[in-house]
Amino acid sequence: MTENKISINTKEIPFQDRYKLLIGSIVPRPIGFVSTVSPNGIYNLAPFSFFNGVCSEPMTVLFCPVVRGSDGQEKDTLKNIKVTKEFVVNIVSEEIAEKMNQCSAEYSYGVDEFKESGLTPVRANMVKPPLVKEAKINMECKLLHLVEIGNKPGGGTVVIGEVVYFHVQENVYKDGKIILSELKPIARLGGTDYARVTDIFSLPRPTIKIPVGENPNNK
């Protein structure tokens, strides 16, 4: 045991406790507000906090819908993506936080969360799932890979998609950069808590001097 620390064998605690450790420790987490469409054309909209960017060539994002603890079934979002191979990631700003939260409820398959939350679907350019009009940033995505980590409660499937079209509100984008003060993104913490991006500090990236005549690529 490490001094002054509680050491936990993760194999000896239930998945619910492992989940609490993850969401309480990996903070803040960006929210992927994902819109999909069913094979029957019904829209679906759900938030995921196991979400992040991957790389820029190709421009790629990932998120992980976990298996429902209530009934052991996979999320509606994943069901739709398995068939359509497309989705849209919408970034959550403070202004739509309450409506995003409304979409986190476990509705029956086939319920349109756009209608339940009062958010507005807008036609995308290259994919069938709609954009959230009220979101200041939208990413149209084509499925690249599905990686199943587990198929029972506590498990999930990592969805990896290529961003094929990017939409950003004019006042949020300047000189090739996203303006956080205009985007006003929120992040997920543990339990029912969220965070604003309001206290920012910068750290210059360190530079390393290479001795004259030494080429690090030769090592």
C-alpha atoms as a PDB file:
ATOM      1  CA  MET A   1       0.000   0.000   0.000  1.00  0.00           C
ATOM      2  CA  THR A   2       1.178   3.490  -0.888  1.00  0.00           C
ATOM      3  CA  GLU A   3       1.531   5.722   2.182  1.00  0.00           C
ATOM      4  CA  ASN A   4      -1.504   7.978   2.834  1.00  0.00           C
ATOM      5  CA  LYS A   5      -3.433   6.447  -0.064  1.00  0.00           C
ATOM      6  CA  ILE A   6      -6.278   3.960  -0.191  1.00  0.00           C
ATOM      7  CA  SER A   7      -5.355   1.156  -2.594  1.00  0.00           C
ATOM      8  CA  ILE A   8      -8.184  -0.654  -4.365  1.00  0.00           C
ATOM      9  CA  ASN A   9      -8.103  -3.893  -6.310  1.00  0.00           C
ATOM     10  CA  THR A  10     -10.610  -3.050  -9.046  1.00  0.00           C
ATOM     11  CA  LYS A  11     -11.457  -6.716  -9.545  1.00  0.00           C
ATOM     12  CA  GLU A  12     -12.810  -6.869  -5.993  1.00  0.00           C
ATOM     13  CA  ILE A  13     -15.418  -4.103  -6.260  1.00  0.00           C
ATOM     14  CA  PRO A  14     -18.672  -4.023  -8.295  1.00  0.00           C
ATOM     15  CA  PHE A  15     -18.773  -2.214 -11.636  1.00  0.00           C
ATOM     16  CA  GLN A  16     -20.960   0.518 -10.138  1.00  0.00           C
ATOM     17  CA  ASP A  17     -18.144   1.474  -7.757  1.00  0.00           C
ATOM     18  CA  ARG A  18     -15.567   1.344 -10.567  1.00  0.00           C
ATOM     19  CA  TYR A  19     -17.791   3.708 -12.539  1.00  0.00           C
ATOM     20  CA  LYS A  20     -17.898   6.178  -9.653  1.00  0.00           C
ATOM     21  CA  LEU A  21     -14.109   6.070  -9.374  1.00  0.00           C
ATOM     22  CA  LEU A  22     -13.762   6.813 -13.091  1.00  0.00           C
ATOM     23  CA  ILE A  23     -16.243   9.678 -13.343  1.00  0.00           C
ATOM     24  CA  GLY A  24     -15.012  11.229 -10.101  1.00  0.00           C
ATOM     25  CA  SER A  25     -11.355  11.054 -11.092  1.00  0.00           C
ATOM     26  CA  ILE A  26     -11.292  11.767 -14.823  1.00  0.00           C
ATOM     27  CA  VAL A  27     -12.581  15.341 -14.634  1.00  0.00           C
ATOM     28  CA  PRO A  28     -13.612  17.538 -16.229  1.00  0.00           C
ATOM     29  CA  ARG A  29     -14.869  15.472 -19.172  1.00  0.00           C
ATOM     30  CA  PRO A  30     -16.116  17.021 -22.424  1.00  0.00           C
ATOM     31  CA  ILE A  31     -19.667  16.138 -23.424  1.00  0.00           C
ATOM     32  CA  GLY A  32     -20.413  14.582 -26.799  1.00  0.00           C
ATOM     33  CA  PHE A  33     -24.041  15.384 -27.588  1.00  0.00           C
ATOM     34  CA  VAL A  34     -24.688  12.803 -30.299  1.00  0.00           C
ATOM     35  CA  SER A  35     -27.533  12.837 -32.795  1.00  0.00           C
ATOM     36  CA  THR A  36     -28.412   9.776 -34.866  1.00  0.00           C
ATOM     37  CA  VAL A  37     -31.330   8.554 -36.934  1.00  0.00           C
ATOM     38  CA  SER A  38     -32.992   5.126 -36.878  1.00  0.00           C
ATOM     39  CA  PRO A  39     -33.496   3.012 -40.014  1.00  0.00           C
ATOM     40  CA  ASN A  40     -37.130   4.197 -39.874  1.00  0.00           C
ATOM     41  CA  GLY A  41     -36.090   7.851 -39.907  1.00  0.00           C
ATOM     42  CA  ILE A  42     -36.727   8.633 -36.228  1.00  0.00           C
ATOM     43  CA  TYR A  43     -34.226  11.044 -34.671  1.00  0.00           C
ATOM     44  CA  ASN A  44     -32.301  10.255 -31.490  1.00  0.00           C
ATOM     45  CA  LEU A  45     -30.256  12.635 -29.347  1.00  0.00           C
ATOM     46  CA  ALA A  46     -28.177  11.689 -26.279  1.00  0.00           C
ATOM     47  CA  PRO A  47     -25.219  13.067 -24.275  1.00  0.00           C
ATOM     48  CA  PHE A  48     -22.042  11.055 -23.574  1.00  0.00           C
ATOM     49  CA  SER A  49     -19.234  12.099 -21.243  1.00  0.00           C
ATOM     50  CA  PHE A  50     -16.877   9.324 -22.304  1.00  0.00           C
ATOM     51  CA  PHE A  51     -16.006  11.436 -25.360  1.00  0.00           C
ATOM     52  CA  ASN A  52     -12.939  13.028 -26.884  1.00  0.00           C
ATOM     53  CA  GLY A  53     -11.004  13.945 -29.995  1.00  0.00           C
ATOM     54  CA  VAL A  54      -8.468  11.475 -31.367  1.00  0.00           C
ATOM     55  CA  CYS A  55      -6.440  13.026 -34.185  1.00  0.00           C
ATOM     56  CA  SER A  56      -6.685  15.465 -37.094  1.00  0.00           C
ATOM     57  CA  GLU A  57      -5.508  13.376 -40.070  1.00  0.00           C
ATOM     58  CA  PRO A  58      -8.059  12.054 -40.579  1.00  0.00           C
ATOM     59  CA  MET A  59     -10.075  14.305 -38.278  1.00  0.00           C
ATOM     60  CA  THR A  60     -11.407  11.779 -35.780  1.00  0.00           C
ATOM     61  CA  VAL A  61     -13.483  11.655 -32.593  1.00  0.00           C
ATOM     62  CA  LEU A  62     -14.632   8.871 -30.305  1.00  0.00           C
ATOM     63  CA  PHE A  63     -17.242   8.271 -27.647  1.00  0.00           C
ATOM     64  CA  CYS A  64     -18.397   5.248 -25.685  1.00  0.00           C
ATOM     65  CA  PRO A  65     -22.057   4.323 -25.148  1.00  0.00           C
ATOM     66  CA  VAL A  66     -22.118   2.030 -22.123  1.00  0.00           C
ATOM     67  CA  VAL A  67     -24.514  -0.881 -21.690  1.00  0.00           C
ATOM     68  CA  ARG A  68     -27.581   0.204 -19.746  1.00  0.00           C
ATOM     69  CA  GLY A  69     -27.451  -0.814 -16.108  1.00  0.00           C
ATOM     70  CA  SER A  70     -31.238  -0.847 -15.890  1.00  0.00           C
ATOM     71  CA  ASP A  71     -31.923  -3.557 -18.463  1.00  0.00           C
ATOM     72  CA  GLY A  72     -28.563  -4.695 -19.861  1.00  0.00           C
ATOM     73  CA  GLN A  73     -29.418  -3.351 -23.322  1.00  0.00           C
ATOM     74  CA  GLU A  74     -27.231  -1.266 -25.621  1.00  0.00           C
ATOM     75  CA  LYS A  75     -28.010   2.422 -26.050  1.00  0.00           C
ATOM     76  CA  ASP A  76     -30.317   3.582 -28.850  1.00  0.00           C
ATOM     77  CA  THR A  77     -27.477   5.703 -30.251  1.00  0.00           C
ATOM     78  CA  LEU A  78     -25.330   2.614 -30.776  1.00  0.00           C
ATOM     79  CA  LYS A  79     -28.209   0.677 -32.323  1.00  0.00           C
ATOM     80  CA  ASN A  80     -28.682   3.408 -34.908  1.00  0.00           C
ATOM     81  CA  ILE A  81     -24.980   3.805 -35.714  1.00  0.00           C
ATOM     82  CA  LYS A  82     -24.542   0.068 -36.273  1.00  0.00           C
ATOM     83  CA  VAL A  83     -27.087   0.309 -39.089  1.00  0.00           C
ATOM     84  CA  THR A  84     -26.599   3.784 -40.562  1.00  0.00           C
ATOM     85  CA  LYS A  85     -22.814   4.191 -39.983  1.00  0.00           C
ATOM     86  CA  GLU A  86     -23.306   7.921 -39.348  1.00  0.00           C
ATOM     87  CA  PHE A  87     -23.706  10.363 -36.451  1.00  0.00           C
ATOM     88  CA  VAL A  88     -23.312  14.020 -35.505  1.00  0.00           C
ATOM     89  CA  VAL A  89     -21.466  15.317 -32.435  1.00  0.00           C
ATOM     90  CA  ASN A  90     -22.883  18.580 -31.086  1.00  0.00           C
ATOM     91  CA  ILE A  91     -20.925  20.571 -28.497  1.00  0.00           C
ATOM     92  CA  VAL A  92     -22.859  21.566 -25.374  1.00  0.00           C
ATOM     93  CA  SER A  93     -22.770  25.210 -24.292  1.00  0.00           C
ATOM     94  CA  GLU A  94     -24.263  26.640 -21.103  1.00  0.00           C
ATOM     95  CA  GLU A  95     -27.323  27.905 -22.965  1.00  0.00           C
ATOM     96  CA  ILE A  96     -28.538  24.385 -23.804  1.00  0.00           C
ATOM     97  CA  ALA A  97     -27.411  22.578 -20.644  1.00  0.00           C
ATOM     98  CA  GLU A  98     -30.924  21.960 -19.327  1.00  0.00           C
ATOM     99  CA  LYS A  99     -32.193  20.642 -22.658  1.00  0.00           C
ATOM    100  CA  MET A 100     -29.144  18.399 -23.012  1.00  0.00           C
ATOM    101  CA  ASN A 101     -29.856  16.988 -19.561  1.00  0.00           C
ATOM    102  CA  GLN A 102     -33.440  16.232 -20.602  1.00  0.00           C
ATOM    103  CA  CYS A 103     -32.036  14.014 -23.367  1.00  0.00           C
ATOM    104  CA  SER A 104     -30.126  11.889 -20.834  1.00  0.00           C
ATOM    105  CA  ALA A 105     -33.334  10.196 -19.662  1.00  0.00           C
ATOM    106  CA  GLU A 106     -33.791   6.543 -20.668  1.00  0.00           C
ATOM    107  CA  TYR A 107     -36.590   6.936 -23.198  1.00  0.00           C
ATOM    108  CA  SER A 108     -37.987   3.935 -25.047  1.00  0.00           C
ATOM    109  CA  TYR A 109     -36.422   3.146 -28.417  1.00  0.00           C
ATOM    110  CA  GLY A 110     -38.099   5.234 -31.084  1.00  0.00           C
ATOM    111  CA  VAL A 111     -38.722   8.319 -28.937  1.00  0.00           C
ATOM    112  CA  ASP A 112     -37.455  11.522 -30.590  1.00  0.00           C
ATOM    113  CA  GLU A 113     -35.403  13.421 -27.991  1.00  0.00           C
ATOM    114  CA  PHE A 114     -35.451  16.530 -30.164  1.00  0.00           C
ATOM    115  CA  LYS A 115     -39.186  16.752 -29.519  1.00  0.00           C
ATOM    116  CA  GLU A 116     -38.825  15.856 -25.831  1.00  0.00           C
ATOM    117  CA  SER A 117     -36.191  18.538 -25.199  1.00  0.00           C
ATOM    118  CA  GLY A 118     -37.442  21.258 -27.520  1.00  0.00           C
ATOM    119  CA  LEU A 119     -34.174  21.366 -29.470  1.00  0.00           C
ATOM    120  CA  THR A 120     -34.272  21.935 -33.231  1.00  0.00           C
ATOM    121  CA  PRO A 121     -33.056  19.412 -35.830  1.00  0.00           C
ATOM    122  CA  VAL A 122     -31.359  20.880 -38.910  1.00  0.00           C
ATOM    123  CA  ARG A 123     -30.415  18.994 -42.079  1.00  0.00           C
ATOM    124  CA  ALA A 124     -26.726  18.081 -42.277  1.00  0.00           C
ATOM    125  CA  ASN A 125     -24.560  18.392 -45.407  1.00  0.00           C
ATOM    126  CA  MET A 126     -23.116  14.881 -45.742  1.00  0.00           C
ATOM    127  CA  VAL A 127     -24.888  12.596 -43.251  1.00  0.00           C
ATOM    128  CA  LYS A 128     -28.519  11.723 -42.515  1.00  0.00           C
ATOM    129  CA  PRO A 129     -28.570  12.467 -38.750  1.00  0.00           C
ATOM    130  CA  PRO A 130     -29.494  16.112 -38.060  1.00  0.00           C
ATOM    131  CA  LEU A 131     -27.478  18.871 -36.446  1.00  0.00           C
ATOM    132  CA  VAL A 132     -28.679  20.502 -33.249  1.00  0.00           C
ATOM    133  CA  LYS A 133     -29.440  24.050 -34.391  1.00  0.00           C
ATOM    134  CA  GLU A 134     -28.889  25.538 -30.931  1.00  0.00           C
ATOM    135  CA  ALA A 135     -25.395  24.005 -30.585  1.00  0.00           C
ATOM    136  CA  LYS A 136     -22.602  26.392 -31.572  1.00  0.00           C
ATOM    137  CA  ILE A 137     -20.432  23.576 -32.983  1.00  0.00           C
ATOM    138  CA  ASN A 138     -21.534  20.475 -34.920  1.00  0.00           C
ATOM    139  CA  MET A 139     -19.396  17.687 -36.365  1.00  0.00           C
ATOM    140  CA  GLU A 140     -20.824  15.422 -39.059  1.00  0.00           C
ATOM    141  CA  CYS A 141     -19.221  11.993 -38.699  1.00  0.00           C
ATOM    142  CA  LYS A 142     -18.892   8.768 -40.671  1.00  0.00           C
ATOM    143  CA  LEU A 143     -18.241   5.581 -38.696  1.00  0.00           C
ATOM    144  CA  LEU A 144     -14.695   4.206 -38.861  1.00  0.00           C
ATOM    145  CA  HIS A 145     -14.600   1.524 -36.165  1.00  0.00           C
ATOM    146  CA  LEU A 146     -16.624  -0.057 -33.376  1.00  0.00           C
ATOM    147  CA  VAL A 147     -14.570  -1.538 -30.536  1.00  0.00           C
ATOM    148  CA  GLU A 148     -16.574  -3.635 -28.082  1.00  0.00           C
ATOM    149  CA  ILE A 149     -15.106  -3.525 -24.583  1.00  0.00           C
ATOM    150  CA  GLY A 150     -17.900  -5.463 -22.858  1.00  0.00           C
ATOM    151  CA  ASN A 151     -21.489  -6.497 -23.542  1.00  0.00           C
ATOM    152  CA  LYS A 152     -22.922  -6.505 -20.015  1.00  0.00           C
ATOM    153  CA  PRO A 153     -23.737  -3.656 -17.588  1.00  0.00           C
ATOM    154  CA  GLY A 154     -20.573  -1.666 -16.988  1.00  0.00           C
ATOM    155  CA  GLY A 155     -19.250  -2.544 -20.435  1.00  0.00           C
ATOM    156  CA  GLY A 156     -19.581  -0.554 -23.622  1.00  0.00           C
ATOM    157  CA  THR A 157     -18.609  -0.059 -27.247  1.00  0.00           C
ATOM    158  CA  VAL A 158     -16.159   2.623 -28.367  1.00  0.00           C
ATOM    159  CA  VAL A 159     -17.464   4.410 -31.455  1.00  0.00           C
ATOM    160  CA  ILE A 160     -14.734   5.968 -33.615  1.00  0.00           C
ATOM    161  CA  GLY A 161     -15.805   8.302 -36.383  1.00  0.00           C
ATOM    162  CA  GLU A 162     -14.239  10.572 -38.989  1.00  0.00           C
ATOM    163  CA  VAL A 163     -15.406  14.179 -38.987  1.00  0.00           C
ATOM    164  CA  VAL A 164     -16.354  14.856 -42.614  1.00  0.00           C
ATOM    165  CA  TYR A 165     -18.022  18.246 -42.139  1.00  0.00           C
ATOM    166  CA  PHE A 166     -17.581  20.848 -39.407  1.00  0.00           C
ATOM    167  CA  HIS A 167     -19.993  23.658 -38.490  1.00  0.00           C
ATOM    168  CA  VAL A 168     -19.125  26.510 -36.124  1.00  0.00           C
ATOM    169  CA  GLN A 169     -21.051  29.651 -35.208  1.00  0.00           C
ATOM    170  CA  GLU A 170     -19.377  32.769 -36.616  1.00  0.00           C
ATOM    171  CA  ASN A 171     -18.709  34.530 -33.299  1.00  0.00           C
ATOM    172  CA  VAL A 172     -17.076  31.367 -31.898  1.00  0.00           C
ATOM    173  CA  TYR A 173     -14.407  31.146 -34.629  1.00  0.00           C
ATOM    174  CA  LYS A 174     -11.633  33.690 -35.245  1.00  0.00           C
ATOM    175  CA  ASP A 175      -8.217  33.435 -36.916  1.00  0.00           C
ATOM    176  CA  GLY A 176      -8.495  29.654 -37.108  1.00  0.00           C
ATOM    177  CA  LYS A 177      -9.223  29.226 -33.403  1.00  0.00           C
ATOM    178  CA  ILE A 178     -12.270  28.499 -31.247  1.00  0.00           C
ATOM    179  CA  ILE A 179     -13.119  31.344 -28.843  1.00  0.00           C
ATOM    180  CA  LEU A 180     -13.969  29.719 -25.504  1.00  0.00           C
ATOM    181  CA  SER A 181     -15.548  32.848 -24.069  1.00  0.00           C
ATOM    182  CA  GLU A 182     -18.120  32.706 -26.870  1.00  0.00           C
ATOM    183  CA  LEU A 183     -18.526  28.914 -26.965  1.00  0.00           C
ATOM    184  CA  LYS A 184     -19.123  28.698 -23.193  1.00  0.00           C
ATOM    185  CA  PRO A 185     -18.743  24.905 -23.101  1.00  0.00           C
ATOM    186  CA  ILE A 186     -19.678  22.866 -20.053  1.00  0.00           C
ATOM    187  CA  ALA A 187     -17.974  19.721 -18.805  1.00  0.00           C
ATOM    188  CA  ARG A 188     -19.113  16.675 -16.868  1.00  0.00           C
ATOM    189  CA  LEU A 189     -17.983  15.908 -13.336  1.00  0.00           C
ATOM    190  CA  GLY A 190     -19.091  13.147 -10.965  1.00  0.00           C
ATOM    191  CA  GLY A 191     -22.709  12.521  -9.968  1.00  0.00           C
ATOM    192  CA  THR A 192     -24.995  15.290 -11.199  1.00  0.00           C
ATOM    193  CA  ASP A 193     -22.296  17.979 -11.222  1.00  0.00           C
ATOM    194  CA  TYR A 194     -21.058  20.005 -14.194  1.00  0.00           C
ATOM    195  CA  ALA A 195     -18.325  22.619 -14.656  1.00  0.00           C
ATOM    196  CA  ARG A 196     -17.908  25.837 -16.621  1.00  0.00           C
ATOM    197  CA  VAL A 197     -14.669  26.831 -18.332  1.00  0.00           C
ATOM    198  CA  THR A 198     -14.131  30.100 -16.472  1.00  0.00           C
ATOM    199  CA  ASP A 199     -10.738  29.876 -14.744  1.00  0.00           C
ATOM    200  CA  ILE A 200      -8.031  29.526 -17.395  1.00  0.00           C
ATOM    201  CA  PHE A 201      -4.233  29.666 -17.133  1.00  0.00           C
ATOM    202  CA  SER A 202      -1.501  29.073 -19.707  1.00  0.00           C
ATOM    203  CA  LEU A 203       1.771  27.145 -19.574  1.00  0.00           C
ATOM    204  CA  PRO A 204       4.257  27.696 -22.422  1.00  0.00           C
ATOM    205  CA  ARG A 205       5.415  24.418 -23.926  1.00  0.00           C
ATOM    206  CA  PRO A 206       9.038  23.716 -22.866  1.00  0.00           C
ATOM    207  CA  THR A 207      11.771  23.710 -25.486  1.00  0.00           C
ATOM    208  CA  ILE A 208      14.673  21.266 -25.455  1.00  0.00           C
ATOM    209  CA  LYS A 209      18.065  22.329 -26.756  1.00  0.00           C
ATOM    210  CA  ILE A 210      19.731  19.680 -28.901  1.00  0.00           C
ATOM    211  CA  PRO A 211      23.559  19.619 -28.732  1.00  0.00           C
ATOM    212  CA  VAL A 212      25.241  20.763 -31.941  1.00  0.00           C
ATOM    213  CA  GLY A 213      25.881  17.840 -34.286  1.00  0.00           C
ATOM    214  CA  GLU A 214      23.381  15.532 -32.548  1.00  0.00           C
ATOM    215  CA  ASN A 215      20.350  14.475 -34.586  1.00  0.00           C
ATOM    216  CA  PRO A 216      17.637  12.873 -32.400  1.00  0.00           C
ATOM    217  CA  ASN A 217      16.222  11.122 -35.482  1.00  0.00           C
ATOM    218  CA  ASN A 218      19.343   8.971 -35.688  1.00  0.00           C
ATOM    219  CA  LYS A 219      18.654   7.354 -32.309  1.00  0.00           C
END
